[in-house]
C-alpha atoms as a PDB file:
ATOM      1  CA  UNK A   1     -33.554 -76.583 -46.895  1.00  0.00           C
ATOM      2  CA  UNK A   2     -32.619 -80.272 -46.719  1.00  0.00           C
ATOM      3  CA  UNK A   3     -30.727 -81.929 -49.545  1.00  0.00           C
ATOM      4  CA  UNK A   4     -32.873 -83.851 -52.013  1.00  0.00           C
ATOM      5  CA  UNK A   5     -31.356 -87.133 -53.166  1.00  0.00           C
ATOM      6  CA  UNK A   6     -31.474 -88.849 -56.528  1.00  0.00           C
ATOM      7  CA  UNK A   7     -30.758 -92.575 -56.806  1.00  0.00           C
ATOM      8  CA  UNK A   8     -28.858 -93.906 -59.800  1.00  0.00           C
ATOM      9  CA  UNK A   9     -30.099 -97.155 -61.369  1.00  0.00           C
ATOM     10  CA  UNK A  10     -27.416 -99.145 -59.536  1.00  0.00           C
ATOM     11  CA  UNK A  11     -28.766 -98.323 -56.059  1.00  0.00           C
ATOM     12  CA  UNK A  12     -30.895-100.998 -54.340  1.00  0.00           C
ATOM     13  CA  UNK A  13     -34.556-100.056 -53.850  1.00  0.00           C
ATOM     14  CA  UNK A  14     -34.216-100.934 -50.140  1.00  0.00           C
ATOM     15  CA  UNK A  15     -32.027 -97.851 -49.613  1.00  0.00           C
ATOM     16  CA  UNK A  16     -34.629 -95.595 -51.226  1.00  0.00           C
ATOM     17  CA  UNK A  17     -37.487 -97.166 -49.265  1.00  0.00           C
ATOM     18  CA  UNK A  18     -35.731 -96.815 -45.910  1.00  0.00           C
ATOM     19  CA  UNK A  19     -34.713 -93.216 -46.582  1.00  0.00           C
ATOM     20  CA  UNK A  20     -38.296 -92.311 -47.422  1.00  0.00           C
ATOM     21  CA  UNK A  21     -39.489 -93.912 -44.176  1.00  0.00           C
ATOM     22  CA  UNK A  22     -37.068 -91.546 -42.422  1.00  0.00           C
ATOM     23  CA  UNK A  23     -38.476 -88.483 -44.164  1.00  0.00           C
ATOM     24  CA  UNK A  24     -35.766 -87.992 -46.786  1.00  0.00           C
ATOM     25  CA  UNK A  25     -36.817 -86.610 -50.184  1.00  0.00           C
ATOM     26  CA  UNK A  26     -35.638 -89.205 -52.729  1.00  0.00           C
ATOM     27  CA  UNK A  27     -36.246 -89.622 -56.456  1.00  0.00           C
ATOM     28  CA  UNK A  28     -34.956 -92.585 -58.446  1.00  0.00           C
ATOM     29  CA  UNK A  29     -33.802 -92.609 -62.045  1.00  0.00           C
ATOM     30  CA  UNK A  30     -36.526 -95.179 -62.751  1.00  0.00           C
ATOM     31  CA  UNK A  31     -39.281 -92.963 -61.300  1.00  0.00           C
ATOM     32  CA  UNK A  32     -37.898 -90.001 -63.244  1.00  0.00           C
ATOM     33  CA  UNK A  33     -37.964 -91.904 -66.533  1.00  0.00           C
ATOM     34  CA  UNK A  34     -34.202 -91.426 -66.813  1.00  0.00           C
ATOM     35  CA  UNK A  35     -32.992 -94.987 -66.224  1.00  0.00           C
ATOM     36  CA  UNK A  36     -31.484 -95.278 -69.690  1.00  0.00           C
ATOM     37  CA  UNK A  37     -29.933 -91.828 -69.957  1.00  0.00           C
ATOM     38  CA  UNK A  38     -26.176 -91.741 -70.551  1.00  0.00           C
ATOM     39  CA  UNK A  39     -24.245 -90.720 -67.432  1.00  0.00           C
ATOM     40  CA  UNK A  40     -23.390 -87.265 -68.779  1.00  0.00           C
ATOM     41  CA  UNK A  41     -27.046 -86.488 -69.462  1.00  0.00           C
ATOM     42  CA  UNK A  42     -28.058 -87.839 -66.062  1.00  0.00           C
ATOM     43  CA  UNK A  43     -25.472 -85.684 -64.274  1.00  0.00           C
ATOM     44  CA  UNK A  44     -26.876 -82.669 -66.127  1.00  0.00           C
ATOM     45  CA  UNK A  45     -30.439 -83.767 -65.305  1.00  0.00           C
ATOM     46  CA  UNK A  46     -29.810 -83.888 -61.555  1.00  0.00           C
ATOM     47  CA  UNK A  47     -28.167 -80.452 -61.763  1.00  0.00           C
ATOM     48  CA  UNK A  48     -31.345 -79.048 -63.303  1.00  0.00           C
ATOM     49  CA  UNK A  49     -33.437 -80.824 -60.637  1.00  0.00           C
ATOM     50  CA  UNK A  50     -31.044 -79.567 -57.906  1.00  0.00           C
ATOM     51  CA  UNK A  51     -30.648 -83.037 -56.421  1.00  0.00           C
ATOM     52  CA  UNK A  52     -27.503 -84.770 -55.207  1.00  0.00           C
ATOM     53  CA  UNK A  53     -27.039 -88.129 -56.890  1.00  0.00           C
ATOM     54  CA  UNK A  54     -26.025 -91.318 -55.079  1.00  0.00           C
ATOM     55  CA  UNK A  55     -24.389 -94.034 -57.154  1.00  0.00           C
ATOM     56  CA  UNK A  56     -22.428 -97.267 -56.905  1.00  0.00           C
ATOM     57  CA  UNK A  57     -21.054 -96.768 -60.434  1.00  0.00           C
ATOM     58  CA  UNK A  58     -17.312 -95.985 -60.451  1.00  0.00           C
ATOM     59  CA  UNK A  59     -17.525 -94.664 -64.022  1.00  0.00           C
ATOM     60  CA  UNK A  60     -20.170 -92.169 -62.947  1.00  0.00           C
ATOM     61  CA  UNK A  61     -17.862 -90.972 -60.161  1.00  0.00           C
ATOM     62  CA  UNK A  62     -15.026 -90.612 -62.683  1.00  0.00           C
ATOM     63  CA  UNK A  63     -17.289 -88.495 -64.895  1.00  0.00           C
ATOM     64  CA  UNK A  64     -18.107 -86.178 -61.975  1.00  0.00           C
ATOM     65  CA  UNK A  65     -14.385 -85.883 -61.161  1.00  0.00           C
ATOM     66  CA  UNK A  66     -13.761 -84.938 -64.778  1.00  0.00           C
ATOM     67  CA  UNK A  67     -16.480 -82.286 -64.568  1.00  0.00           C
ATOM     68  CA  UNK A  68     -14.819 -80.943 -61.397  1.00  0.00           C
ATOM     69  CA  UNK A  69     -11.504 -80.569 -63.226  1.00  0.00           C
ATOM     70  CA  UNK A  70     -13.233 -78.832 -66.142  1.00  0.00           C
ATOM     71  CA  UNK A  71     -15.160 -76.474 -63.858  1.00  0.00           C
ATOM     72  CA  UNK A  72     -18.512 -77.788 -65.107  1.00  0.00           C
ATOM     73  CA  UNK A  73     -21.322 -77.317 -62.623  1.00  0.00           C
ATOM     74  CA  UNK A  74     -23.151 -80.286 -61.118  1.00  0.00           C
ATOM     75  CA  UNK A  75     -25.358 -80.600 -58.046  1.00  0.00           C
ATOM     76  CA  UNK A  76     -23.139 -83.049 -56.158  1.00  0.00           C
ATOM     77  CA  UNK A  77     -22.380 -86.739 -56.204  1.00  0.00           C
ATOM     78  CA  UNK A  78     -22.142 -89.314 -53.449  1.00  0.00           C
ATOM     79  CA  UNK A  79     -20.328 -92.531 -54.284  1.00  0.00           C
ATOM     80  CA  UNK A  80     -20.556 -95.754 -52.313  1.00  0.00           C
ATOM     81  CA  UNK A  81     -18.898 -98.968 -53.425  1.00  0.00           C
ATOM     82  CA  UNK A  82     -21.434-101.816 -53.389  1.00  0.00           C
ATOM     83  CA  UNK A  83     -19.254-104.030 -51.210  1.00  0.00           C
ATOM     84  CA  UNK A  84     -17.873-101.483 -48.726  1.00  0.00           C
ATOM     85  CA  UNK A  85     -20.956-100.924 -46.563  1.00  0.00           C
ATOM     86  CA  UNK A  86     -24.310-102.420 -45.715  1.00  0.00           C
ATOM     87  CA  UNK A  87     -27.627-101.050 -46.862  1.00  0.00           C
ATOM     88  CA  UNK A  88     -28.204 -99.891 -43.285  1.00  0.00           C
ATOM     89  CA  UNK A  89     -24.924 -97.970 -43.203  1.00  0.00           C
ATOM     90  CA  UNK A  90     -25.692 -96.278 -46.505  1.00  0.00           C
ATOM     91  CA  UNK A  91     -29.143 -95.320 -45.209  1.00  0.00           C
ATOM     92  CA  UNK A  92     -27.665 -93.777 -42.030  1.00  0.00           C
ATOM     93  CA  UNK A  93     -24.994 -91.847 -43.929  1.00  0.00           C
ATOM     94  CA  UNK A  94     -27.380 -90.609 -46.632  1.00  0.00           C
ATOM     95  CA  UNK A  95     -29.942 -89.550 -44.032  1.00  0.00           C
ATOM     96  CA  UNK A  96     -27.262 -87.568 -42.209  1.00  0.00           C
ATOM     97  CA  UNK A  97     -26.224 -85.878 -45.456  1.00  0.00           C
ATOM     98  CA  UNK A  98     -29.794 -85.147 -46.585  1.00  0.00           C
ATOM     99  CA  UNK A  99     -31.040 -83.735 -43.302  1.00  0.00           C
ATOM    100  CA  UNK A 100     -27.801 -82.210 -42.046  1.00  0.00           C
ATOM    101  CA  UNK A 101     -26.513 -80.248 -45.018  1.00  0.00           C
ATOM    102  CA  UNK A 102     -27.654 -77.654 -47.522  1.00  0.00           C
ATOM    103  CA  UNK A 103     -27.834 -78.053 -51.329  1.00  0.00           C
ATOM    104  CA  UNK A 104     -25.342 -75.208 -51.874  1.00  0.00           C
ATOM    105  CA  UNK A 105     -22.722 -77.179 -49.899  1.00  0.00           C
ATOM    106  CA  UNK A 106     -22.887 -79.912 -52.533  1.00  0.00           C
ATOM    107  CA  UNK A 107     -22.275 -77.890 -55.685  1.00  0.00           C
ATOM    108  CA  UNK A 108     -19.421 -79.633 -57.548  1.00  0.00           C
ATOM    109  CA  UNK A 109     -18.737 -81.834 -54.515  1.00  0.00           C
ATOM    110  CA  UNK A 110     -18.018 -85.544 -54.482  1.00  0.00           C
ATOM    111  CA  UNK A 111     -18.228 -87.592 -51.279  1.00  0.00           C
ATOM    112  CA  UNK A 112     -17.343 -91.226 -50.669  1.00  0.00           C
ATOM    113  CA  UNK A 113     -19.394 -93.439 -48.352  1.00  0.00           C
ATOM    114  CA  UNK A 114     -19.302 -94.842 -45.816  1.00  0.00           C
ATOM    115  CA  UNK A 115     -18.457 -91.648 -43.909  1.00  0.00           C
END
């Protein structure tokens, strides 16, 4: 089963749109009605939804790292700094992750993009 992605509020809509054109299952925090949730609640929300979250927010990444240290379960987090790659590069990397890996591989995992 392909990985389903969840886009944090900081992710440009262009990334979501291009991933969907490529057949990737993507849900955004805005579409989910979760755009104003605190990061901890959002990380729990994506665990319940079994989706891997993509974010540009360094504080969100730090929260996931803290959860790793505590042994708290989350569905996976992908972090990409806003200035380290183009939208096109993020789309290619996220497509590869979504279509080339399994959800169970992402439990409590954190990945940095670009790959």
